[in-house]
PDB file of N, CA and C in Angstrom:
ATOM      1  N   UNK A   1       0.843  -1.197  -0.037  1.00  0.00           N
ATOM      2  CA  UNK A   1      -0.175  -0.155  -0.108  1.00  0.00           C
ATOM      3  C   UNK A   1       1.095   1.208  -0.170  1.00  0.00           C
ATOM      4  N   UNK A   2       0.520   1.808  -0.824  1.00  0.00           N
ATOM      5  CA  UNK A   2       1.387   3.404  -0.856  1.00  0.00           C
ATOM      6  C   UNK A   2       0.830   4.255   0.041  1.00  0.00           C
ATOM      7  N   UNK A   3       1.805   5.340   0.338  1.00  0.00           N
ATOM      8  CA  UNK A   3       1.569   6.545   1.428  1.00  0.00           C
ATOM      9  C   UNK A   3       0.766   7.533   0.618  1.00  0.00           C
ATOM     10  N   UNK A   4      -0.089   8.069   1.491  1.00  0.00           N
ATOM     11  CA  UNK A   4      -1.171   9.268   0.730  1.00  0.00           C
ATOM     12  C   UNK A   4      -0.162  10.491   0.280  1.00  0.00           C
ATOM     13  N   UNK A   5      -0.785  11.042  -0.811  1.00  0.00           N
ATOM     14  CA  UNK A   5       0.054  12.034  -1.341  1.00  0.00           C
ATOM     15  C   UNK A   5       0.153  13.195  -0.516  1.00  0.00           C
ATOM     16  N   UNK A   6       1.275  13.763  -0.508  1.00  0.00           N
ATOM     17  CA  UNK A   6       0.937  14.985   0.700  1.00  0.00           C
ATOM     18  C   UNK A   6       0.347  16.478  -0.174  1.00  0.00           C
ATOM     19  N   UNK A   7       0.146  17.012   0.551  1.00  0.00           N
ATOM     20  CA  UNK A   7      -0.636  18.346  -0.126  1.00  0.00           C
ATOM     21  C   UNK A   7       0.490  19.258  -0.241  1.00  0.00           C
ATOM     22  N   UNK A   8      -0.133  20.002  -1.780  1.00  0.00           N
ATOM     23  CA  UNK A   8       1.246  20.696  -2.237  1.00  0.00           C
ATOM     24  C   UNK A   8       0.544  22.121  -1.908  1.00  0.00           C
ATOM     25  N   UNK A   9       1.320  23.104  -1.886  1.00  0.00           N
ATOM     26  CA  UNK A   9       0.635  24.609  -1.823  1.00  0.00           C
ATOM     27  C   UNK A   9      -0.401  24.900  -2.850  1.00  0.00           C
ATOM     28  N   UNK A  10      -0.130  24.548  -4.138  1.00  0.00           N
ATOM     29  CA  UNK A  10      -0.827  24.566  -5.366  1.00  0.00           C
ATOM     30  C   UNK A  10      -2.324  24.242  -5.014  1.00  0.00           C
ATOM     31  N   UNK A  11      -2.273  22.932  -4.348  1.00  0.00           N
ATOM     32  CA  UNK A  11      -3.693  22.495  -3.625  1.00  0.00           C
ATOM     33  C   UNK A  11      -4.388  23.359  -2.700  1.00  0.00           C
ATOM     34  N   UNK A  12      -3.717  23.952  -1.816  1.00  0.00           N
ATOM     35  CA  UNK A  12      -4.146  24.943  -0.837  1.00  0.00           C
ATOM     36  C   UNK A  12      -4.576  25.945  -1.323  1.00  0.00           C
ATOM     37  N   UNK A  13      -3.995  26.586  -2.643  1.00  0.00           N
ATOM     38  CA  UNK A  13      -4.124  27.947  -3.195  1.00  0.00           C
ATOM     39  C   UNK A  13      -5.660  27.600  -3.906  1.00  0.00           C
ATOM     40  N   UNK A  14      -5.999  26.399  -4.572  1.00  0.00           N
ATOM     41  CA  UNK A  14      -7.185  25.840  -5.041  1.00  0.00           C
ATOM     42  C   UNK A  14      -8.320  26.206  -4.013  1.00  0.00           C
ATOM     43  N   UNK A  15      -7.998  25.486  -2.924  1.00  0.00           N
ATOM     44  CA  UNK A  15      -8.980  25.406  -1.611  1.00  0.00           C
ATOM     45  C   UNK A  15      -9.284  26.621  -1.343  1.00  0.00           C
ATOM     46  N   UNK A  16      -8.336  27.535  -1.454  1.00  0.00           N
ATOM     47  CA  UNK A  16      -8.702  28.889  -0.651  1.00  0.00           C
ATOM     48  C   UNK A  16      -9.273  29.889  -1.680  1.00  0.00           C
ATOM     49  N   UNK A  17      -9.396  29.436  -2.775  1.00  0.00           N
ATOM     50  CA  UNK A  17     -10.277  30.305  -4.009  1.00  0.00           C
ATOM     51  C   UNK A  17     -11.253  29.579  -4.638  1.00  0.00           C
ATOM     52  N   UNK A  18     -12.429  29.590  -3.974  1.00  0.00           N
ATOM     53  CA  UNK A  18     -13.698  28.796  -4.636  1.00  0.00           C
ATOM     54  C   UNK A  18     -14.151  29.410  -5.659  1.00  0.00           C
ATOM     55  N   UNK A  19     -13.751  30.742  -5.862  1.00  0.00           N
ATOM     56  CA  UNK A  19     -14.400  31.558  -7.019  1.00  0.00           C
ATOM     57  C   UNK A  19     -13.755  30.710  -8.409  1.00  0.00           C
ATOM     58  N   UNK A  20     -12.550  30.245  -8.526  1.00  0.00           N
ATOM     59  CA  UNK A  20     -12.058  29.707  -9.309  1.00  0.00           C
ATOM     60  C   UNK A  20     -12.955  28.401  -9.793  1.00  0.00           C
ATOM     61  N   UNK A  21     -13.333  27.793  -8.823  1.00  0.00           N
ATOM     62  CA  UNK A  21     -14.072  26.227  -9.051  1.00  0.00           C
ATOM     63  C   UNK A  21     -15.602  26.790  -9.686  1.00  0.00           C
ATOM     64  N   UNK A  22     -15.887  27.922  -9.052  1.00  0.00           N
ATOM     65  CA  UNK A  22     -17.208  28.676  -9.561  1.00  0.00           C
ATOM     66  C   UNK A  22     -17.055  28.694 -11.255  1.00  0.00           C
ATOM     67  N   UNK A  23     -15.941  29.394 -11.632  1.00  0.00           N
ATOM     68  CA  UNK A  23     -15.834  29.734 -12.854  1.00  0.00           C
ATOM     69  C   UNK A  23     -15.798  28.021 -13.682  1.00  0.00           C
ATOM     70  N   UNK A  24     -14.882  27.349 -13.265  1.00  0.00           N
ATOM     71  CA  UNK A  24     -14.921  26.034 -13.811  1.00  0.00           C
ATOM     72  C   UNK A  24     -16.300  25.435 -14.078  1.00  0.00           C
ATOM     73  N   UNK A  25     -16.961  25.574 -12.981  1.00  0.00           N
ATOM     74  CA  UNK A  25     -18.522  24.833 -12.897  1.00  0.00           C
ATOM     75  C   UNK A  25     -19.253  25.509 -14.074  1.00  0.00           C
ATOM     76  N   UNK A  26     -19.214  26.734 -14.543  1.00  0.00           N
ATOM     77  CA  UNK A  26     -19.647  27.478 -15.801  1.00  0.00           C
ATOM     78  C   UNK A  26     -19.352  27.357 -16.849  1.00  0.00           C
ATOM     79  N   UNK A  27     -18.114  26.835 -16.862  1.00  0.00           N
ATOM     80  CA  UNK A  27     -17.544  26.543 -18.012  1.00  0.00           C
ATOM     81  C   UNK A  27     -18.296  24.836 -18.376  1.00  0.00           C
ATOM     82  N   UNK A  28     -18.060  24.110 -17.311  1.00  0.00           N
ATOM     83  CA  UNK A  28     -18.531  22.804 -17.795  1.00  0.00           C
ATOM     84  C   UNK A  28     -20.081  22.752 -17.806  1.00  0.00           C
ATOM     85  N   UNK A  29     -20.653  23.755 -17.862  1.00  0.00           N
ATOM     86  CA  UNK A  29     -22.498  23.739 -17.876  1.00  0.00           C
ATOM     87  C   UNK A  29     -22.493  23.406 -19.506  1.00  0.00           C
ATOM     88  N   UNK A  30     -23.496  22.598 -19.651  1.00  0.00           N
ATOM     89  CA  UNK A  30     -23.982  22.381 -20.947  1.00  0.00           C
ATOM     90  C   UNK A  30     -24.931  23.379 -21.416  1.00  0.00           C
ATOM     91  N   UNK A  31     -25.092  24.691 -20.963  1.00  0.00           N
ATOM     92  CA  UNK A  31     -26.126  25.639 -21.522  1.00  0.00           C
ATOM     93  C   UNK A  31     -25.897  25.876 -22.859  1.00  0.00           C
ATOM     94  N   UNK A  32     -26.803  25.889 -23.592  1.00  0.00           N
ATOM     95  CA  UNK A  32     -26.575  26.133 -25.352  1.00  0.00           C
ATOM     96  C   UNK A  32     -26.339  24.889 -25.891  1.00  0.00           C
ATOM     97  N   UNK A  33     -26.137  23.847 -25.429  1.00  0.00           N
ATOM     98  CA  UNK A  33     -25.817  22.767 -26.284  1.00  0.00           C
ATOM     99  C   UNK A  33     -26.972  21.896 -26.917  1.00  0.00           C
ATOM    100  N   UNK A  34     -28.219  22.439 -26.252  1.00  0.00           N
ATOM    101  CA  UNK A  34     -29.346  22.069 -27.099  1.00  0.00           C
ATOM    102  C   UNK A  34     -29.526  22.875 -28.072  1.00  0.00           C
ATOM    103  N   UNK A  35     -29.146  24.220 -27.934  1.00  0.00           N
ATOM    104  CA  UNK A  35     -29.363  24.937 -29.112  1.00  0.00           C
ATOM    105  C   UNK A  35     -28.532  24.667 -30.173  1.00  0.00           C
ATOM    106  N   UNK A  36     -27.307  24.177 -30.052  1.00  0.00           N
ATOM    107  CA  UNK A  36     -26.381  23.883 -31.006  1.00  0.00           C
ATOM    108  C   UNK A  36     -26.986  22.499 -31.747  1.00  0.00           C
ATOM    109  N   UNK A  37     -27.814  21.449 -30.908  1.00  0.00           N
ATOM    110  CA  UNK A  37     -28.057  20.549 -31.648  1.00  0.00           C
ATOM    111  C   UNK A  37     -29.272  20.633 -32.611  1.00  0.00           C
ATOM    112  N   UNK A  38     -29.936  21.651 -32.206  1.00  0.00           N
ATOM    113  CA  UNK A  38     -31.002  22.195 -33.010  1.00  0.00           C
ATOM    114  C   UNK A  38     -30.563  22.651 -34.324  1.00  0.00           C
ATOM    115  N   UNK A  39     -29.417  23.631 -33.877  1.00  0.00           N
ATOM    116  CA  UNK A  39     -29.204  24.078 -35.521  1.00  0.00           C
ATOM    117  C   UNK A  39     -28.407  23.142 -36.273  1.00  0.00           C
ATOM    118  N   UNK A  40     -27.567  22.333 -35.905  1.00  0.00           N
ATOM    119  CA  UNK A  40     -27.093  21.127 -36.567  1.00  0.00           C
ATOM    120  C   UNK A  40     -28.310  20.362 -37.207  1.00  0.00           C
ATOM    121  N   UNK A  41     -29.452  20.077 -36.565  1.00  0.00           N
ATOM    122  CA  UNK A  41     -30.662  19.460 -37.082  1.00  0.00           C
ATOM    123  C   UNK A  41     -31.297  20.228 -38.210  1.00  0.00           C
ATOM    124  N   UNK A  42     -31.343  21.500 -37.851  1.00  0.00           N
ATOM    125  CA  UNK A  42     -31.992  22.446 -39.080  1.00  0.00           C
ATOM    126  C   UNK A  42     -31.063  22.541 -40.320  1.00  0.00           C
ATOM    127  N   UNK A  43     -29.695  22.621 -40.059  1.00  0.00           N
ATOM    128  CA  UNK A  43     -28.885  22.479 -41.470  1.00  0.00           C
ATOM    129  C   UNK A  43     -28.805  21.386 -41.927  1.00  0.00           C
ATOM    130  N   UNK A  44     -28.854  20.200 -41.384  1.00  0.00           N
ATOM    131  CA  UNK A  44     -29.200  19.027 -42.008  1.00  0.00           C
ATOM    132  C   UNK A  44     -30.454  18.756 -42.605  1.00  0.00           C
ATOM    133  N   UNK A  45     -31.526  19.336 -42.109  1.00  0.00           N
ATOM    134  CA  UNK A  45     -33.056  19.361 -43.011  1.00  0.00           C
ATOM    135  C   UNK A  45     -32.913  20.060 -44.241  1.00  0.00           C
ATOM    136  N   UNK A  46     -32.326  21.307 -43.803  1.00  0.00           N
ATOM    137  CA  UNK A  46     -31.756  22.084 -45.184  1.00  0.00           C
ATOM    138  C   UNK A  46     -31.338  21.922 -46.302  1.00  0.00           C
ATOM    139  N   UNK A  47     -30.299  21.114 -45.965  1.00  0.00           N
ATOM    140  CA  UNK A  47     -29.289  20.236 -46.833  1.00  0.00           C
ATOM    141  C   UNK A  47     -30.388  18.841 -47.472  1.00  0.00           C
ATOM    142  N   UNK A  48     -30.957  18.564 -46.834  1.00  0.00           N
ATOM    143  CA  UNK A  48     -31.587  17.283 -47.409  1.00  0.00           C
ATOM    144  C   UNK A  48     -32.798  17.979 -48.226  1.00  0.00           C
ATOM    145  N   UNK A  49     -33.191  19.033 -47.847  1.00  0.00           N
ATOM    146  CA  UNK A  49     -34.688  19.564 -48.688  1.00  0.00           C
ATOM    147  C   UNK A  49     -33.972  20.276 -49.978  1.00  0.00           C
ATOM    148  N   UNK A  50     -32.918  20.716 -49.991  1.00  0.00           N
ATOM    149  CA  UNK A  50     -32.056  21.116 -51.131  1.00  0.00           C
ATOM    150  C   UNK A  50     -31.925  20.142 -51.960  1.00  0.00           C
ATOM    151  N   UNK A  51     -31.686  19.065 -51.488  1.00  0.00           N
ATOM    152  CA  UNK A  51     -31.261  18.010 -52.426  1.00  0.00           C
ATOM    153  C   UNK A  51     -32.403  17.491 -53.004  1.00  0.00           C
ATOM    154  N   UNK A  52     -33.632  17.417 -52.313  1.00  0.00           N
ATOM    155  CA  UNK A  52     -34.768  16.779 -52.772  1.00  0.00           C
ATOM    156  C   UNK A  52     -35.291  18.017 -54.077  1.00  0.00           C
ATOM    157  N   UNK A  53     -35.208  19.219 -53.880  1.00  0.00           N
ATOM    158  CA  UNK A  53     -35.425  20.365 -54.703  1.00  0.00           C
ATOM    159  C   UNK A  53     -34.481  20.057 -56.228  1.00  0.00           C
ATOM    160  N   UNK A  54     -33.603  19.706 -56.162  1.00  0.00           N
ATOM    161  CA  UNK A  54     -32.763  19.437 -57.414  1.00  0.00           C
ATOM    162  C   UNK A  54     -32.828  18.221 -57.830  1.00  0.00           C
ATOM    163  N   UNK A  55     -33.437  17.262 -57.127  1.00  0.00           N
ATOM    164  CA  UNK A  55     -33.688  16.030 -57.621  1.00  0.00           C
ATOM    165  C   UNK A  55     -35.056  15.903 -58.444  1.00  0.00           C
ATOM    166  N   UNK A  56     -36.261  16.884 -57.548  1.00  0.00           N
ATOM    167  CA  UNK A  56     -37.493  16.842 -58.127  1.00  0.00           C
ATOM    168  C   UNK A  56     -37.707  17.850 -59.455  1.00  0.00           C
ATOM    169  N   UNK A  57     -36.602  18.451 -59.754  1.00  0.00           N
ATOM    170  CA  UNK A  57     -36.822  19.558 -60.698  1.00  0.00           C
ATOM    171  C   UNK A  57     -36.112  19.125 -61.930  1.00  0.00           C
ATOM    172  N   UNK A  58     -35.485  17.608 -61.827  1.00  0.00           N
ATOM    173  CA  UNK A  58     -35.102  16.900 -63.123  1.00  0.00           C
ATOM    174  C   UNK A  58     -36.308  16.676 -63.900  1.00  0.00           C
ATOM    175  N   UNK A  59     -35.982  16.531 -65.125  1.00  0.00           N
ATOM    176  CA  UNK A  59     -37.275  16.316 -66.045  1.00  0.00           C
ATOM    177  C   UNK A  59     -37.710  14.879 -65.925  1.00  0.00           C
ATOM    178  N   UNK A  60     -36.829  13.836 -65.710  1.00  0.00           N
ATOM    179  CA  UNK A  60     -37.400  12.521 -65.595  1.00  0.00           C
ATOM    180  C   UNK A  60     -38.142  12.261 -64.339  1.00  0.00           C
ATOM    181  N   UNK A  61     -37.920  12.956 -63.331  1.00  0.00           N
ATOM    182  CA  UNK A  61     -38.650  12.828 -62.113  1.00  0.00           C
ATOM    183  C   UNK A  61     -40.098  13.464 -62.075  1.00  0.00           C
ATOM    184  N   UNK A  62     -39.944  14.795 -62.691  1.00  0.00           N
ATOM    185  CA  UNK A  62     -41.217  15.187 -63.045  1.00  0.00           C
ATOM    186  C   UNK A  62     -42.038  14.845 -63.849  1.00  0.00           C
ATOM    187  N   UNK A  63     -41.599  13.963 -64.786  1.00  0.00           N
ATOM    188  CA  UNK A  63     -42.248  13.081 -65.569  1.00  0.00           C
ATOM    189  C   UNK A  63     -43.007  11.912 -65.073  1.00  0.00           C
ATOM    190  N   UNK A  64     -42.468  11.135 -63.999  1.00  0.00           N
ATOM    191  CA  UNK A  64     -42.926   9.942 -63.398  1.00  0.00           C
ATOM    192  C   UNK A  64     -43.715  10.560 -62.331  1.00  0.00           C
ATOM    193  N   UNK A  65     -43.592  11.726 -61.757  1.00  0.00           N
ATOM    194  CA  UNK A  65     -44.730  12.119 -60.633  1.00  0.00           C
ATOM    195  C   UNK A  65     -45.979  12.339 -61.605  1.00  0.00           C
ATOM    196  N   UNK A  66     -45.821  13.398 -62.539  1.00  0.00           N
ATOM    197  CA  UNK A  66     -46.817  13.478 -63.496  1.00  0.00           C
ATOM    198  C   UNK A  66     -47.597  12.378 -64.074  1.00  0.00           C
ATOM    199  N   UNK A  67     -47.103  11.628 -64.184  1.00  0.00           N
ATOM    200  CA  UNK A  67     -47.566  10.244 -64.849  1.00  0.00           C
ATOM    201  C   UNK A  67     -48.062   9.401 -63.539  1.00  0.00           C
ATOM    202  N   UNK A  68     -47.740   9.500 -62.512  1.00  0.00           N
ATOM    203  CA  UNK A  68     -48.103   8.890 -61.113  1.00  0.00           C
ATOM    204  C   UNK A  68     -49.668   9.583 -60.856  1.00  0.00           C
ATOM    205  N   UNK A  69     -49.729  10.634 -60.913  1.00  0.00           N
ATOM    206  CA  UNK A  69     -50.893  11.694 -60.444  1.00  0.00           C
ATOM    207  C   UNK A  69     -51.938  11.488 -61.559  1.00  0.00           C
ATOM    208  N   UNK A  70     -51.600  11.484 -62.518  1.00  0.00           N
ATOM    209  CA  UNK A  70     -52.522  11.393 -63.699  1.00  0.00           C
ATOM    210  C   UNK A  70     -53.303   9.964 -63.788  1.00  0.00           C
ATOM    211  N   UNK A  71     -52.307   9.131 -63.526  1.00  0.00           N
ATOM    212  CA  UNK A  71     -52.974   7.698 -63.399  1.00  0.00           C
ATOM    213  C   UNK A  71     -53.848   7.405 -61.957  1.00  0.00           C
ATOM    214  N   UNK A  72     -53.451   8.340 -61.037  1.00  0.00           N
ATOM    215  CA  UNK A  72     -54.443   7.997 -60.054  1.00  0.00           C
ATOM    216  C   UNK A  72     -55.525   8.960 -60.046  1.00  0.00           C
ATOM    217  N   UNK A  73     -55.474   9.850 -60.821  1.00  0.00           N
ATOM    218  CA  UNK A  73     -56.636  10.844 -60.653  1.00  0.00           C
ATOM    219  C   UNK A  73     -57.855  10.312 -61.870  1.00  0.00           C
ATOM    220  N   UNK A  74     -57.279   9.590 -62.766  1.00  0.00           N
ATOM    221  CA  UNK A  74     -57.975   8.994 -63.669  1.00  0.00           C
ATOM    222  C   UNK A  74     -58.666   7.251 -63.640  1.00  0.00           C
ATOM    223  N   UNK A  75     -58.018   6.999 -62.369  1.00  0.00           N
ATOM    224  CA  UNK A  75     -58.594   5.427 -61.880  1.00  0.00           C
ATOM    225  C   UNK A  75     -59.780   5.487 -61.381  1.00  0.00           C
ATOM    226  N   UNK A  76     -60.728   4.963 -62.046  1.00  0.00           N
ATOM    227  CA  UNK A  76     -62.203   4.837 -61.691  1.00  0.00           C
ATOM    228  C   UNK A  76     -62.564   3.348 -60.970  1.00  0.00           C
ATOM    229  N   UNK A  77     -62.570   3.413 -59.844  1.00  0.00           N
ATOM    230  CA  UNK A  77     -62.605   1.968 -59.285  1.00  0.00           C
ATOM    231  C   UNK A  77     -63.682   1.805 -58.489  1.00  0.00           C
TER     232      UNK A  77
END
């Protein structure tokens, strides 16, 4: 079994300054992390929407959708 570590002056200096720990606690808090997560999710959604717009603007996809809608509207059953 090893002997306990001696208390150093730097440890005592930290203990004498509780405001330093308060500042560290403020830095460790995760306030604003939810906002950052929402921002990332919104950016991903905007990127996906942009990709869909590019895909849907192509003539082939537009023709397929038009045919699908015409077929659905003309179906009498």
